[in-house]
Amino acid sequence: MSTQQFQVHLVRVDRSRRMARFYHLSLEPSLFGDFAVARNWGRIGTHGRVRIDLFADEKAALQHFLGMMKQKKGRGYRPG
């Protein structure tokens, strides 16, 4: 089991559409021996929404983490 944690904070700002959004994604081991991918998203300046997905192994969690990151970057989110 790896103790390495992954985190990324992405933002999408489009002033012409009055859009200012954030997307925070992290992969961490959980207390129960599995792995959690936590997502927090919303409008910049708010607490946003949170979702936590649990995975039995680190490989599946990492694939989900990388897939979500790729999807968000494809929609215009950039590191911020």
Protein backbone atom coordinates (compact mmCIF):
# COMPACT_ATOMS: atom_id res chain seq x y z
CA MET A 1 0.00 0.00 0.00
CA SER A 2 1.35 3.39 -0.99
CA THR A 3 1.12 6.34 1.37
CA GLN A 4 1.45 8.84 -1.46
CA GLN A 5 -1.34 11.39 -1.82
CA PHE A 6 -2.39 13.14 -5.01
CA GLN A 7 -4.10 16.53 -5.16
CA VAL A 8 -4.97 18.95 -7.92
CA HIS A 9 -6.81 22.29 -7.84
CA LEU A 10 -8.33 23.43 -11.14
CA VAL A 11 -10.13 26.65 -12.04
CA ARG A 12 -12.21 27.80 -14.98
CA VAL A 13 -12.74 31.54 -15.43
CA ASP A 14 -14.58 33.13 -18.34
CA ARG A 15 -15.33 36.79 -17.65
CA SER A 16 -17.56 37.20 -20.71
CA ARG A 17 -19.90 34.50 -19.34
CA ARG A 18 -19.44 35.58 -15.69
CA MET A 19 -18.09 32.12 -14.93
CA ALA A 20 -15.63 31.50 -12.09
CA ARG A 21 -15.51 27.86 -10.99
CA PHE A 22 -13.14 25.63 -9.09
CA TYR A 23 -12.62 21.88 -8.96
CA HIS A 24 -10.44 20.27 -6.28
CA LEU A 25 -9.59 16.58 -6.61
CA SER A 26 -7.61 14.42 -4.16
CA LEU A 27 -6.74 10.76 -3.76
CA GLU A 28 -5.98 9.54 -0.24
CA PRO A 29 -5.97 6.29 1.72
CA SER A 30 -9.05 5.99 3.92
CA LEU A 31 -9.24 4.82 7.52
CA PHE A 32 -10.68 1.47 6.47
CA GLY A 33 -7.83 0.27 4.26
CA ASP A 34 -9.36 1.28 0.95
CA PHE A 35 -8.77 4.43 -1.09
CA ALA A 36 -10.88 7.57 -1.44
CA VAL A 37 -11.15 10.02 -4.31
CA ALA A 38 -12.60 13.24 -2.90
CA ARG A 39 -14.03 15.90 -5.19
CA ASN A 40 -14.97 19.44 -4.20
CA TRP A 41 -16.41 21.79 -6.82
CA GLY A 42 -18.41 24.98 -7.14
CA ARG A 43 -18.27 28.69 -7.73
CA ILE A 44 -15.07 30.43 -6.61
CA GLY A 45 -15.71 32.06 -3.23
CA THR A 46 -18.15 29.40 -2.01
CA HIS A 47 -17.66 26.14 -0.13
CA GLY A 48 -19.05 24.21 -3.09
CA ARG A 49 -20.19 20.61 -3.09
CA VAL A 50 -18.30 17.49 -1.98
CA ARG A 51 -18.38 13.90 -3.18
CA ILE A 52 -16.23 11.02 -1.96
CA ASP A 53 -15.87 7.80 -3.96
CA LEU A 54 -14.30 4.74 -2.30
CA PHE A 55 -12.22 2.13 -4.14
CA ALA A 56 -10.92 -1.23 -2.94
CA ASP A 57 -7.48 -0.80 -4.50
CA GLU A 58 -5.15 2.07 -5.26
CA LYS A 59 -4.93 1.31 -8.98
CA ALA A 60 -8.69 1.73 -9.53
CA ALA A 61 -8.71 4.92 -7.44
CA LEU A 62 -5.78 6.36 -9.40
CA GLN A 63 -7.46 5.55 -12.74
CA HIS A 64 -10.61 7.34 -11.58
CA PHE A 65 -8.57 10.32 -10.32
CA LEU A 66 -6.69 10.66 -13.63
CA GLY A 67 -9.89 10.20 -15.67
CA MET A 68 -11.66 12.97 -13.76
CA MET A 69 -8.65 15.26 -14.15
CA LYS A 70 -8.52 14.61 -17.91
CA GLN A 71 -12.26 15.23 -18.24
CA LYS A 72 -12.09 18.56 -16.40
CA LYS A 73 -9.06 19.76 -18.36
CA GLY A 74 -10.97 18.89 -21.55
CA ARG A 75 -13.78 21.17 -20.38
CA GLY A 76 -11.44 24.15 -19.96
CA TYR A 77 -10.30 23.83 -16.34
CA ARG A 78 -6.66 24.81 -15.74
CA PRO A 79 -4.35 24.50 -12.72
CA GLY A 80 -4.86 27.40 -10.39
